[in-house]
Amino acid sequence: DAPEHQHVKCSKANCSDCFLVCIEETFHKVVEDFHDDGIPNKDILVIVNSSAHTKNSNGTFETEFLKSKHPDLNIRSYFEFDGCEAKVVIVIRNGGLLSFSISNAISRAVSRLVI
């Protein structure tokens, strides 16, 4: 659990107000734990959900940042995940209503859901 930040990701490389920069190490550990459990990248879907502060964002900075760090993962913005389903779904959210994230993501996860 991490505190809400001003935004999920901006154009700056190492902005201290970026949520993804703050959770980068923890996210990497979560992905590695799935690898240790024998789950390949192709079975992991990452959905990046921006906060209310950035609800007009199309998710470009967020998804590009994560794809640069984890190029083999299926990473989608909250606006791109329609029709996606995976054994493991990881939802990255920076505040907002938890119930909304759960209700939209739970139907995408076949085996595990991480929020």
PDB file of N, CA and C in Angstrom:
ATOM      1  N   ASP A   1       0.846  -1.169   0.000  1.00  0.00           N
ATOM      2  CA  ASP A   1       0.000   0.000   0.000  1.00  0.00           C
ATOM      3  C   ASP A   1       0.894   1.236   0.000  1.00  0.00           C
ATOM      4  N   ALA A   2       0.642   2.136  -0.923  1.00  0.00           N
ATOM      5  CA  ALA A   2       1.455   3.342  -1.058  1.00  0.00           C
ATOM      6  C   ALA A   2       0.555   4.568  -0.999  1.00  0.00           C
ATOM      7  N   PRO A   3       1.069   5.676  -0.494  1.00  0.00           N
ATOM      8  CA  PRO A   3       0.246   6.894  -0.448  1.00  0.00           C
ATOM      9  C   PRO A   3      -0.033   7.419  -1.847  1.00  0.00           C
ATOM     10  N   GLU A   4      -1.159   8.099  -1.990  1.00  0.00           N
ATOM     11  CA  GLU A   4      -1.516   8.689  -3.278  1.00  0.00           C
ATOM     12  C   GLU A   4      -0.524   9.785  -3.631  1.00  0.00           C
ATOM     13  N   HIS A   5      -0.170   9.860  -4.902  1.00  0.00           N
ATOM     14  CA  HIS A   5       0.754  10.869  -5.397  1.00  0.00           C
ATOM     15  C   HIS A   5       0.023  11.833  -6.324  1.00  0.00           C
ATOM     16  N   GLN A   6       0.690  12.902  -6.687  1.00  0.00           N
ATOM     17  CA  GLN A   6       0.081  13.927  -7.529  1.00  0.00           C
ATOM     18  C   GLN A   6      -0.366  13.359  -8.875  1.00  0.00           C
ATOM     19  N   HIS A   7       0.421  12.447  -9.426  1.00  0.00           N
ATOM     20  CA  HIS A   7       0.066  11.828 -10.698  1.00  0.00           C
ATOM     21  C   HIS A   7       0.712  10.448 -10.778  1.00  0.00           C
ATOM     22  N   VAL A   8       0.251   9.644 -11.729  1.00  0.00           N
ATOM     23  CA  VAL A   8       0.794   8.298 -11.877  1.00  0.00           C
ATOM     24  C   VAL A   8       2.169   8.363 -12.510  1.00  0.00           C
ATOM     25  N   LYS A   9       2.310   9.071 -13.634  1.00  0.00           N
ATOM     26  CA  LYS A   9       3.617   9.242 -14.294  1.00  0.00           C
ATOM     27  C   LYS A   9       3.544  10.447 -15.202  1.00  0.00           C
ATOM     28  N   CYS A  10       4.585  11.253 -15.150  1.00  0.00           N
ATOM     29  CA  CYS A  10       4.687  12.414 -16.033  1.00  0.00           C
ATOM     30  C   CYS A  10       5.855  12.207 -16.997  1.00  0.00           C
ATOM     31  N   SER A  11       6.188  13.226 -17.744  1.00  0.00           N
ATOM     32  CA  SER A  11       7.248  13.106 -18.750  1.00  0.00           C
ATOM     33  C   SER A  11       8.655  13.128 -18.151  1.00  0.00           C
ATOM     34  N   LYS A  12       8.795  13.535 -16.894  1.00  0.00           N
ATOM     35  CA  LYS A  12      10.111  13.589 -16.249  1.00  0.00           C
ATOM     36  C   LYS A  12      10.579  12.179 -15.896  1.00  0.00           C
ATOM     37  N   ALA A  13      11.865  11.934 -16.023  1.00  0.00           N
ATOM     38  CA  ALA A  13      12.417  10.595 -15.772  1.00  0.00           C
ATOM     39  C   ALA A  13      12.286  10.161 -14.321  1.00  0.00           C
ATOM     40  N   ASN A  14      12.634  11.019 -13.382  1.00  0.00           N
ATOM     41  CA  ASN A  14      12.620  10.655 -11.962  1.00  0.00           C
ATOM     42  C   ASN A  14      11.909  11.710 -11.131  1.00  0.00           C
ATOM     43  N   CYS A  15      10.630  11.873 -11.357  1.00  0.00           N
ATOM     44  CA  CYS A  15       9.831  12.851 -10.636  1.00  0.00           C
ATOM     45  C   CYS A  15       9.371  12.254  -9.304  1.00  0.00           C
ATOM     46  N   SER A  16       9.620  12.946  -8.206  1.00  0.00           N
ATOM     47  CA  SER A  16       9.235  12.426  -6.888  1.00  0.00           C
ATOM     48  C   SER A  16       7.729  12.463  -6.662  1.00  0.00           C
ATOM     49  N   ASP A  17       6.980  13.145  -7.535  1.00  0.00           N
ATOM     50  CA  ASP A  17       5.520  13.175  -7.426  1.00  0.00           C
ATOM     51  C   ASP A  17       4.844  12.073  -8.241  1.00  0.00           C
ATOM     52  N   CYS A  18       5.634  11.241  -8.924  1.00  0.00           N
ATOM     53  CA  CYS A  18       5.088  10.160  -9.758  1.00  0.00           C
ATOM     54  C   CYS A  18       4.875   8.893  -8.933  1.00  0.00           C
ATOM     55  N   PHE A  19       3.680   8.382  -8.961  1.00  0.00           N
ATOM     56  CA  PHE A  19       3.330   7.162  -8.238  1.00  0.00           C
ATOM     57  C   PHE A  19       4.144   5.966  -8.730  1.00  0.00           C
ATOM     58  N   LEU A  20       4.316   5.826 -10.036  1.00  0.00           N
ATOM     59  CA  LEU A  20       5.048   4.672 -10.569  1.00  0.00           C
ATOM     60  C   LEU A  20       6.514   4.665 -10.147  1.00  0.00           C
ATOM     61  N   VAL A  21       7.107   5.824 -10.026  1.00  0.00           N
ATOM     62  CA  VAL A  21       8.494   5.900  -9.561  1.00  0.00           C
ATOM     63  C   VAL A  21       8.562   5.417  -8.110  1.00  0.00           C
ATOM     64  N   CYS A  22       7.570   5.788  -7.316  1.00  0.00           N
ATOM     65  CA  CYS A  22       7.521   5.405  -5.903  1.00  0.00           C
ATOM     66  C   CYS A  22       7.367   3.888  -5.720  1.00  0.00           C
ATOM     67  N   ILE A  23       6.579   3.255  -6.569  1.00  0.00           N
ATOM     68  CA  ILE A  23       6.295   1.815  -6.386  1.00  0.00           C
ATOM     69  C   ILE A  23       7.130   0.915  -7.283  1.00  0.00           C
ATOM     70  N   GLU A  24       8.060   1.472  -8.024  1.00  0.00           N
ATOM     71  CA  GLU A  24       8.833   0.718  -9.017  1.00  0.00           C
ATOM     72  C   GLU A  24       9.481  -0.540  -8.427  1.00  0.00           C
ATOM     73  N   GLU A  25      10.126  -0.420  -7.304  1.00  0.00           N
ATOM     74  CA  GLU A  25      10.803  -1.560  -6.687  1.00  0.00           C
ATOM     75  C   GLU A  25       9.797  -2.629  -6.232  1.00  0.00           C
ATOM     76  N   THR A  26       8.710  -2.208  -5.624  1.00  0.00           N
ATOM     77  CA  THR A  26       7.679  -3.144  -5.162  1.00  0.00           C
ATOM     78  C   THR A  26       7.022  -3.853  -6.333  1.00  0.00           C
ATOM     79  N   PHE A  27       6.722  -3.112  -7.400  1.00  0.00           N
ATOM     80  CA  PHE A  27       6.111  -3.718  -8.582  1.00  0.00           C
ATOM     81  C   PHE A  27       7.025  -4.791  -9.172  1.00  0.00           C
ATOM     82  N   HIS A  28       8.304  -4.477  -9.280  1.00  0.00           N
ATOM     83  CA  HIS A  28       9.273  -5.440  -9.809  1.00  0.00           C
ATOM     84  C   HIS A  28       9.285  -6.710  -8.954  1.00  0.00           C
ATOM     85  N   LYS A  29       9.217  -6.545  -7.646  1.00  0.00           N
ATOM     86  CA  LYS A  29       9.200  -7.695  -6.722  1.00  0.00           C
ATOM     87  C   LYS A  29       7.948  -8.545  -6.927  1.00  0.00           C
ATOM     88  N   VAL A  30       6.807  -7.924  -7.107  1.00  0.00           N
ATOM     89  CA  VAL A  30       5.554  -8.656  -7.341  1.00  0.00           C
ATOM     90  C   VAL A  30       5.666  -9.487  -8.614  1.00  0.00           C
ATOM     91  N   VAL A  31       6.185  -8.890  -9.671  1.00  0.00           N
ATOM     92  CA  VAL A  31       6.350  -9.612 -10.941  1.00  0.00           C
ATOM     93  C   VAL A  31       7.339 -10.763 -10.767  1.00  0.00           C
ATOM     94  N   GLU A  32       8.433 -10.523 -10.082  1.00  0.00           N
ATOM     95  CA  GLU A  32       9.412 -11.592  -9.835  1.00  0.00           C
ATOM     96  C   GLU A  32       8.806 -12.728  -9.019  1.00  0.00           C
ATOM     97  N   ASP A  33       7.963 -12.411  -8.049  1.00  0.00           N
ATOM     98  CA  ASP A  33       7.292 -13.451  -7.258  1.00  0.00           C
ATOM     99  C   ASP A  33       6.414 -14.336  -8.145  1.00  0.00           C
ATOM    100  N   PHE A  34       5.734 -13.729  -9.111  1.00  0.00           N
ATOM    101  CA  PHE A  34       4.932 -14.528 -10.043  1.00  0.00           C
ATOM    102  C   PHE A  34       5.829 -15.415 -10.901  1.00  0.00           C
ATOM    103  N   HIS A  35       6.961 -14.890 -11.333  1.00  0.00           N
ATOM    104  CA  HIS A  35       7.920 -15.699 -12.094  1.00  0.00           C
ATOM    105  C   HIS A  35       8.417 -16.868 -11.252  1.00  0.00           C
ATOM    106  N   ASP A  36       8.704 -16.609  -9.976  1.00  0.00           N
ATOM    107  CA  ASP A  36       9.142 -17.669  -9.067  1.00  0.00           C
ATOM    108  C   ASP A  36       8.074 -18.749  -8.896  1.00  0.00           C
ATOM    109  N   ASP A  37       6.807 -18.363  -9.025  1.00  0.00           N
ATOM    110  CA  ASP A  37       5.690 -19.316  -8.943  1.00  0.00           C
ATOM    111  C   ASP A  37       5.443 -20.032 -10.271  1.00  0.00           C
ATOM    112  N   GLY A  38       6.286 -19.744 -11.274  1.00  0.00           N
ATOM    113  CA  GLY A  38       6.161 -20.409 -12.569  1.00  0.00           C
ATOM    114  C   GLY A  38       5.195 -19.752 -13.529  1.00  0.00           C
ATOM    115  N   ILE A  39       4.784 -18.526 -13.243  1.00  0.00           N
ATOM    116  CA  ILE A  39       3.846 -17.817 -14.125  1.00  0.00           C
ATOM    117  C   ILE A  39       4.639 -16.988 -15.126  1.00  0.00           C
ATOM    118  N   PRO A  40       4.487 -17.272 -16.418  1.00  0.00           N
ATOM    119  CA  PRO A  40       5.235 -16.524 -17.438  1.00  0.00           C
ATOM    120  C   PRO A  40       4.626 -15.144 -17.705  1.00  0.00           C
ATOM    121  N   ASN A  41       5.414 -14.269 -18.287  1.00  0.00           N
ATOM    122  CA  ASN A  41       4.957 -12.914 -18.606  1.00  0.00           C
ATOM    123  C   ASN A  41       3.691 -12.907 -19.451  1.00  0.00           C
ATOM    124  N   LYS A  42       3.557 -13.873 -20.357  1.00  0.00           N
ATOM    125  CA  LYS A  42       2.392 -13.879 -21.253  1.00  0.00           C
ATOM    126  C   LYS A  42       1.074 -14.063 -20.504  1.00  0.00           C
ATOM    127  N   ASP A  43       1.156 -14.561 -19.260  1.00  0.00           N
ATOM    128  CA  ASP A  43      -0.045 -14.784 -18.452  1.00  0.00           C
ATOM    129  C   ASP A  43      -0.325 -13.651 -17.470  1.00  0.00           C
ATOM    130  N   ILE A  44       0.436 -12.553 -17.581  1.00  0.00           N
ATOM    131  CA  ILE A  44       0.273 -11.413 -16.667  1.00  0.00           C
ATOM    132  C   ILE A  44      -0.207 -10.196 -17.454  1.00  0.00           C
ATOM    133  N   LEU A  45      -1.318  -9.625 -17.001  1.00  0.00           N
ATOM    134  CA  LEU A  45      -1.857  -8.391 -17.576  1.00  0.00           C
ATOM    135  C   LEU A  45      -1.746  -7.301 -16.517  1.00  0.00           C
ATOM    136  N   VAL A  46      -1.167  -6.167 -16.887  1.00  0.00           N
ATOM    137  CA  VAL A  46      -1.049  -5.028 -15.990  1.00  0.00           C
ATOM    138  C   VAL A  46      -1.966  -3.927 -16.513  1.00  0.00           C
ATOM    139  N   ILE A  47      -2.870  -3.467 -15.646  1.00  0.00           N
ATOM    140  CA  ILE A  47      -3.782  -2.378 -15.993  1.00  0.00           C
ATOM    141  C   ILE A  47      -3.398  -1.169 -15.152  1.00  0.00           C
ATOM    142  N   VAL A  48      -3.074  -0.069 -15.804  1.00  0.00           N
ATOM    143  CA  VAL A  48      -2.691   1.157 -15.102  1.00  0.00           C
ATOM    144  C   VAL A  48      -3.902   2.072 -15.053  1.00  0.00           C
ATOM    145  N   ASN A  49      -4.348   2.344 -13.830  1.00  0.00           N
ATOM    146  CA  ASN A  49      -5.533   3.165 -13.604  1.00  0.00           C
ATOM    147  C   ASN A  49      -5.107   4.472 -12.955  1.00  0.00           C
ATOM    148  N   SER A  50      -5.218   5.576 -13.666  1.00  0.00           N
ATOM    149  CA  SER A  50      -4.844   6.883 -13.127  1.00  0.00           C
ATOM    150  C   SER A  50      -5.846   7.321 -12.072  1.00  0.00           C
ATOM    151  N   SER A  51      -5.436   8.247 -11.227  1.00  0.00           N
ATOM    152  CA  SER A  51      -6.315   8.763 -10.174  1.00  0.00           C
ATOM    153  C   SER A  51      -7.261   9.808 -10.726  1.00  0.00           C
ATOM    154  N   ALA A  52      -8.110  10.265  -9.854  1.00  0.00           N
ATOM    155  CA  ALA A  52      -9.034  11.338 -10.217  1.00  0.00           C
ATOM    156  C   ALA A  52      -8.286  12.603 -10.629  1.00  0.00           C
ATOM    157  N   HIS A  53      -7.062  12.784 -10.111  1.00  0.00           N
ATOM    158  CA  HIS A  53      -6.268  13.972 -10.470  1.00  0.00           C
ATOM    159  C   HIS A  53      -5.938  13.996 -11.956  1.00  0.00           C
ATOM    160  N   THR A  54      -5.845  12.814 -12.568  1.00  0.00           N
ATOM    161  CA  THR A  54      -5.400  12.739 -13.957  1.00  0.00           C
ATOM    162  C   THR A  54      -6.379  11.974 -14.830  1.00  0.00           C
ATOM    163  N   LYS A  55      -7.673  12.041 -14.522  1.00  0.00           N
ATOM    164  CA  LYS A  55      -8.631  11.213 -15.247  1.00  0.00           C
ATOM    165  C   LYS A  55      -8.734  11.562 -16.725  1.00  0.00           C
ATOM    166  N   ASN A  56      -8.211  12.699 -17.140  1.00  0.00           N
ATOM    167  CA  ASN A  56      -8.207  13.044 -18.550  1.00  0.00           C
ATOM    168  C   ASN A  56      -6.982  12.509 -19.275  1.00  0.00           C
ATOM    169  N   SER A  57      -6.067  11.899 -18.536  1.00  0.00           N
ATOM    170  CA  SER A  57      -4.859  11.328 -19.124  1.00  0.00           C
ATOM    171  C   SER A  57      -5.203  10.095 -19.943  1.00  0.00           C
ATOM    172  N   ASN A  58      -4.531   9.901 -21.082  1.00  0.00           N
ATOM    173  CA  ASN A  58      -4.771   8.702 -21.885  1.00  0.00           C
ATOM    174  C   ASN A  58      -3.862   7.560 -21.479  1.00  0.00           C
ATOM    175  N   GLY A  59      -3.024   7.768 -20.474  1.00  0.00           N
ATOM    176  CA  GLY A  59      -2.181   6.700 -19.953  1.00  0.00           C
ATOM    177  C   GLY A  59      -0.875   6.502 -20.690  1.00  0.00           C
ATOM    178  N   THR A  60      -0.505   7.383 -21.601  1.00  0.00           N
ATOM    179  CA  THR A  60       0.694   7.203 -22.412  1.00  0.00           C
ATOM    180  C   THR A  60       1.973   7.168 -21.582  1.00  0.00           C
ATOM    181  N   PHE A  61       2.182   8.156 -20.719  1.00  0.00           N
ATOM    182  CA  PHE A  61       3.399   8.173 -19.911  1.00  0.00           C
ATOM    183  C   PHE A  61       3.472   6.948 -19.012  1.00  0.00           C
ATOM    184  N   GLU A  62       2.333   6.579 -18.440  1.00  0.00           N
ATOM    185  CA  GLU A  62       2.280   5.452 -17.521  1.00  0.00           C
ATOM    186  C   GLU A  62       2.666   4.147 -18.209  1.00  0.00           C
ATOM    187  N   THR A  63       1.994   3.857 -19.307  1.00  0.00           N
ATOM    188  CA  THR A  63       2.241   2.584 -19.986  1.00  0.00           C
ATOM    189  C   THR A  63       3.628   2.547 -20.609  1.00  0.00           C
ATOM    190  N   GLU A  64       4.088   3.640 -21.176  1.00  0.00           N
ATOM    191  CA  GLU A  64       5.426   3.659 -21.784  1.00  0.00           C
ATOM    192  C   GLU A  64       6.519   3.466 -20.727  1.00  0.00           C
ATOM    193  N   PHE A  65       6.342   4.064 -19.561  1.00  0.00           N
ATOM    194  CA  PHE A  65       7.308   3.893 -18.481  1.00  0.00           C
ATOM    195  C   PHE A  65       7.397   2.420 -18.079  1.00  0.00           C
ATOM    196  N   LEU A  66       6.251   1.799 -17.835  1.00  0.00           N
ATOM    197  CA  LEU A  66       6.253   0.387 -17.436  1.00  0.00           C
ATOM    198  C   LEU A  66       6.759  -0.526 -18.542  1.00  0.00           C
ATOM    199  N   LYS A  67       6.388  -0.242 -19.785  1.00  0.00           N
ATOM    200  CA  LYS A  67       6.864  -1.062 -20.908  1.00  0.00           C
ATOM    201  C   LYS A  67       8.378  -0.950 -21.071  1.00  0.00           C
ATOM    202  N   SER A  68       8.943   0.192 -20.734  1.00  0.00           N
ATOM    203  CA  SER A  68      10.399   0.331 -20.831  1.00  0.00           C
ATOM    204  C   SER A  68      11.101  -0.505 -19.763  1.00  0.00           C
ATOM    205  N   LYS A  69      10.462  -0.692 -18.626  1.00  0.00           N
ATOM    206  CA  LYS A  69      11.037  -1.475 -17.528  1.00  0.00           C
ATOM    207  C   LYS A  69      10.710  -2.970 -17.650  1.00  0.00           C
ATOM    208  N   HIS A  70       9.537  -3.273 -18.233  1.00  0.00           N
ATOM    209  CA  HIS A  70       9.051  -4.656 -18.344  1.00  0.00           C
ATOM    210  C   HIS A  70       8.496  -4.881 -19.762  1.00  0.00           C
ATOM    211  N   PRO A  71       9.365  -4.934 -20.762  1.00  0.00           N
ATOM    212  CA  PRO A  71       8.895  -5.000 -22.153  1.00  0.00           C
ATOM    213  C   PRO A  71       8.123  -6.268 -22.509  1.00  0.00           C
ATOM    214  N   ASP A  72       8.264  -7.324 -21.735  1.00  0.00           N
ATOM    215  CA  ASP A  72       7.592  -8.578 -22.065  1.00  0.00           C
ATOM    216  C   ASP A  72       6.224  -8.734 -21.396  1.00  0.00           C
ATOM    217  N   LEU A  73       5.827  -7.767 -20.571  1.00  0.00           N
ATOM    218  CA  LEU A  73       4.510  -7.830 -19.933  1.00  0.00           C
ATOM    219  C   LEU A  73       3.463  -7.176 -20.815  1.00  0.00           C
ATOM    220  N   ASN A  74       2.221  -7.648 -20.698  1.00  0.00           N
ATOM    221  CA  ASN A  74       1.093  -7.031 -21.383  1.00  0.00           C
ATOM    222  C   ASN A  74       0.610  -5.889 -20.492  1.00  0.00           C
ATOM    223  N   ILE A  75       0.924  -4.661 -20.875  1.00  0.00           N
ATOM    224  CA  ILE A  75       0.612  -3.487 -20.061  1.00  0.00           C
ATOM    225  C   ILE A  75      -0.376  -2.621 -20.828  1.00  0.00           C
ATOM    226  N   ARG A  76      -1.496  -2.329 -20.181  1.00  0.00           N
ATOM    227  CA  ARG A  76      -2.551  -1.532 -20.804  1.00  0.00           C
ATOM    228  C   ARG A  76      -2.975  -0.412 -19.879  1.00  0.00           C
ATOM    229  N   SER A  77      -3.400   0.688 -20.474  1.00  0.00           N
ATOM    230  CA  SER A  77      -4.003   1.739 -19.661  1.00  0.00           C
ATOM    231  C   SER A  77      -5.427   1.311 -19.348  1.00  0.00           C
ATOM    232  N   TYR A  78      -6.033   1.987 -18.413  1.00  0.00           N
ATOM    233  CA  TYR A  78      -7.395   1.675 -18.004  1.00  0.00           C
ATOM    234  C   TYR A  78      -8.359   1.786 -19.184  1.00  0.00           C
ATOM    235  N   PHE A  79      -7.999   2.579 -20.180  1.00  0.00           N
ATOM    236  CA  PHE A  79      -8.870   2.806 -21.326  1.00  0.00           C
ATOM    237  C   PHE A  79      -8.658   1.784 -22.432  1.00  0.00           C
ATOM    238  N   GLU A  80      -7.663   0.898 -22.293  1.00  0.00           N
ATOM    239  CA  GLU A  80      -7.310  -0.050 -23.353  1.00  0.00           C
ATOM    240  C   GLU A  80      -7.575  -1.515 -23.012  1.00  0.00           C
ATOM    241  N   PHE A  81      -8.080  -1.819 -21.825  1.00  0.00           N
ATOM    242  CA  PHE A  81      -8.104  -3.212 -21.419  1.00  0.00           C
ATOM    243  C   PHE A  81      -9.398  -3.937 -21.764  1.00  0.00           C
ATOM    244  N   ASP A  82     -10.342  -3.299 -22.422  1.00  0.00           N
ATOM    245  CA  ASP A  82     -11.578  -3.975 -22.811  1.00  0.00           C
ATOM    246  C   ASP A  82     -11.261  -5.241 -23.589  1.00  0.00           C
ATOM    247  N   GLY A  83     -11.887  -6.327 -23.209  1.00  0.00           N
ATOM    248  CA  GLY A  83     -11.693  -7.594 -23.890  1.00  0.00           C
ATOM    249  C   GLY A  83     -10.481  -8.378 -23.450  1.00  0.00           C
ATOM    250  N   CYS A  84      -9.660  -7.813 -22.586  1.00  0.00           N
ATOM    251  CA  CYS A  84      -8.465  -8.509 -22.113  1.00  0.00           C
ATOM    252  C   CYS A  84      -8.818  -9.446 -20.966  1.00  0.00           C
ATOM    253  N   GLU A  85      -8.166 -10.588 -20.967  1.00  0.00           N
ATOM    254  CA  GLU A  85      -8.308 -11.539 -19.877  1.00  0.00           C
ATOM    255  C   GLU A  85      -6.950 -12.194 -19.687  1.00  0.00           C
ATOM    256  N   ALA A  86      -6.586 -12.487 -18.446  1.00  0.00           N
ATOM    257  CA  ALA A  86      -5.299 -13.114 -18.165  1.00  0.00           C
ATOM    258  C   ALA A  86      -5.407 -13.925 -16.883  1.00  0.00           C
ATOM    259  N   LYS A  87      -4.481 -14.864 -16.724  1.00  0.00           N
ATOM    260  CA  LYS A  87      -4.447 -15.646 -15.490  1.00  0.00           C
ATOM    261  C   LYS A  87      -4.174 -14.747 -14.296  1.00  0.00           C
ATOM    262  N   VAL A  88      -3.279 -13.786 -14.486  1.00  0.00           N
ATOM    263  CA  VAL A  88      -2.929 -12.843 -13.421  1.00  0.00           C
ATOM    264  C   VAL A  88      -3.189 -11.430 -13.924  1.00  0.00           C
ATOM    265  N   VAL A  89      -3.918 -10.658 -13.139  1.00  0.00           N
ATOM    266  CA  VAL A  89      -4.156  -9.257 -13.458  1.00  0.00           C
ATOM    267  C   VAL A  89      -3.615  -8.421 -12.305  1.00  0.00           C
ATOM    268  N   ILE A  90      -2.760  -7.469 -12.645  1.00  0.00           N
ATOM    269  CA  ILE A  90      -2.227  -6.521 -11.670  1.00  0.00           C
ATOM    270  C   ILE A  90      -2.802  -5.154 -12.024  1.00  0.00           C
ATOM    271  N   VAL A  91      -3.530  -4.554 -11.083  1.00  0.00           N
ATOM    272  CA  VAL A  91      -4.084  -3.222 -11.292  1.00  0.00           C
ATOM    273  C   VAL A  91      -3.244  -2.243 -10.494  1.00  0.00           C
ATOM    274  N   ILE A  92      -2.691  -1.267 -11.178  1.00  0.00           N
ATOM    275  CA  ILE A  92      -1.924  -0.211 -10.523  1.00  0.00           C
ATOM    276  C   ILE A  92      -2.820   1.014 -10.492  1.00  0.00           C
ATOM    277  N   ARG A  93      -3.136   1.447  -9.274  1.00  0.00           N
ATOM    278  CA  ARG A  93      -4.041   2.582  -9.121  1.00  0.00           C
ATOM    279  C   ARG A  93      -3.474   3.577  -8.138  1.00  0.00           C
ATOM    280  N   ASN A  94      -3.700   4.833  -8.416  1.00  0.00           N
ATOM    281  CA  ASN A  94      -3.210   5.927  -7.577  1.00  0.00           C
ATOM    282  C   ASN A  94      -4.417   6.637  -6.977  1.00  0.00           C
ATOM    283  N   GLY A  95      -5.028   6.022  -5.988  1.00  0.00           N
ATOM    284  CA  GLY A  95      -6.204   6.612  -5.358  1.00  0.00           C
ATOM    285  C   GLY A  95      -7.467   6.316  -6.134  1.00  0.00           C
ATOM    286  N   GLY A  96      -8.510   7.019  -5.806  1.00  0.00           N
ATOM    287  CA  GLY A  96      -9.803   6.790  -6.421  1.00  0.00           C
ATOM    288  C   GLY A  96     -10.563   5.698  -5.683  1.00  0.00           C
ATOM    289  N   LEU A  97     -11.727   5.351  -6.187  1.00  0.00           N
ATOM    290  CA  LEU A  97     -12.574   4.363  -5.541  1.00  0.00           C
ATOM    291  C   LEU A  97     -12.062   2.955  -5.782  1.00  0.00           C
ATOM    292  N   LEU A  98     -11.753   2.243  -4.721  1.00  0.00           N
ATOM    293  CA  LEU A  98     -11.277   0.871  -4.829  1.00  0.00           C
ATOM    294  C   LEU A  98     -12.352  -0.035  -5.413  1.00  0.00           C
ATOM    295  N   SER A  99     -13.602   0.174  -5.033  1.00  0.00           N
ATOM    296  CA  SER A  99     -14.686  -0.687  -5.531  1.00  0.00           C
ATOM    297  C   SER A  99     -14.790  -0.620  -7.051  1.00  0.00           C
ATOM    298  N   PHE A 100     -14.535   0.541  -7.630  1.00  0.00           N
ATOM    299  CA  PHE A 100     -14.580   0.686  -9.079  1.00  0.00           C
ATOM    300  C   PHE A 100     -13.472  -0.127  -9.743  1.00  0.00           C
ATOM    301  N   SER A 101     -12.262  -0.081  -9.168  1.00  0.00           N
ATOM    302  CA  SER A 101     -11.141  -0.852  -9.713  1.00  0.00           C
ATOM    303  C   SER A 101     -11.415  -2.351  -9.624  1.00  0.00           C
ATOM    304  N   ILE A 102     -11.934  -2.784  -8.487  1.00  0.00           N
ATOM    305  CA  ILE A 102     -12.199  -4.213  -8.292  1.00  0.00           C
ATOM    306  C   ILE A 102     -13.271  -4.700  -9.255  1.00  0.00           C
ATOM    307  N   SER A 103     -14.379  -3.969  -9.352  1.00  0.00           N
ATOM    308  CA  SER A 103     -15.484  -4.433 -10.182  1.00  0.00           C
ATOM    309  C   SER A 103     -15.099  -4.539 -11.649  1.00  0.00           C
ATOM    310  N   ASN A 104     -14.222  -3.679 -12.113  1.00  0.00           N
ATOM    311  CA  ASN A 104     -13.805  -3.730 -13.511  1.00  0.00           C
ATOM    312  C   ASN A 104     -12.684  -4.726 -13.769  1.00  0.00           C
ATOM    313  N   ALA A 105     -11.868  -4.996 -12.778  1.00  0.00           N
ATOM    314  CA  ALA A 105     -10.713  -5.872 -12.979  1.00  0.00           C
ATOM    315  C   ALA A 105     -10.982  -7.327 -12.630  1.00  0.00           C
ATOM    316  N   ILE A 106     -11.898  -7.589 -11.727  1.00  0.00           N
ATOM    317  CA  ILE A 106     -12.099  -8.958 -11.255  1.00  0.00           C
ATOM    318  C   ILE A 106     -12.555  -9.887 -12.376  1.00  0.00           C
ATOM    319  N   SER A 107     -13.299  -9.357 -13.323  1.00  0.00           N
ATOM    320  CA  SER A 107     -13.758 -10.195 -14.429  1.00  0.00           C
ATOM    321  C   SER A 107     -12.638 -10.486 -15.432  1.00  0.00           C
ATOM    322  N   ARG A 108     -11.522  -9.794 -15.327  1.00  0.00           N
ATOM    323  CA  ARG A 108     -10.384 -10.006 -16.239  1.00  0.00           C
ATOM    324  C   ARG A 108      -9.412 -11.056 -15.714  1.00  0.00           C
ATOM    325  N   ALA A 109      -9.413 -11.273 -14.389  1.00  0.00           N
ATOM    326  CA  ALA A 109      -8.455 -12.195 -13.768  1.00  0.00           C
ATOM    327  C   ALA A 109      -9.022 -13.610 -13.730  1.00  0.00           C
ATOM    328  N   VAL A 110      -8.275 -14.553 -14.277  1.00  0.00           N
ATOM    329  CA  VAL A 110      -8.703 -15.952 -14.256  1.00  0.00           C
ATOM    330  C   VAL A 110      -8.259 -16.620 -12.958  1.00  0.00           C
ATOM    331  N   SER A 111      -7.073 -16.296 -12.466  1.00  0.00           N
ATOM    332  CA  SER A 111      -6.514 -16.965 -11.309  1.00  0.00           C
ATOM    333  C   SER A 111      -6.217 -16.038 -10.140  1.00  0.00           C
ATOM    334  N   ARG A 112      -5.535 -14.899 -10.404  1.00  0.00           N
ATOM    335  CA  ARG A 112      -5.109 -13.987  -9.333  1.00  0.00           C
ATOM    336  C   ARG A 112      -5.334 -12.538  -9.745  1.00  0.00           C
ATOM    337  N   LEU A 113      -5.737 -11.744  -8.747  1.00  0.00           N
ATOM    338  CA  LEU A 113      -5.914 -10.317  -8.950  1.00  0.00           C
ATOM    339  C   LEU A 113      -5.122  -9.580  -7.883  1.00  0.00           C
ATOM    340  N   VAL A 114      -4.242  -8.665  -8.312  1.00  0.00           N
ATOM    341  CA  VAL A 114      -3.443  -7.868  -7.401  1.00  0.00           C
ATOM    342  C   VAL A 114      -3.795  -6.409  -7.646  1.00  0.00           C
ATOM    343  N   ILE A 115      -4.201  -5.698  -6.586  1.00  0.00           N
ATOM    344  CA  ILE A 115      -4.516  -4.280  -6.724  1.00  0.00           C
ATOM    345  C   ILE A 115      -3.592  -3.505  -5.815  1.00  0.00           C
TER     346      ILE A 115
END
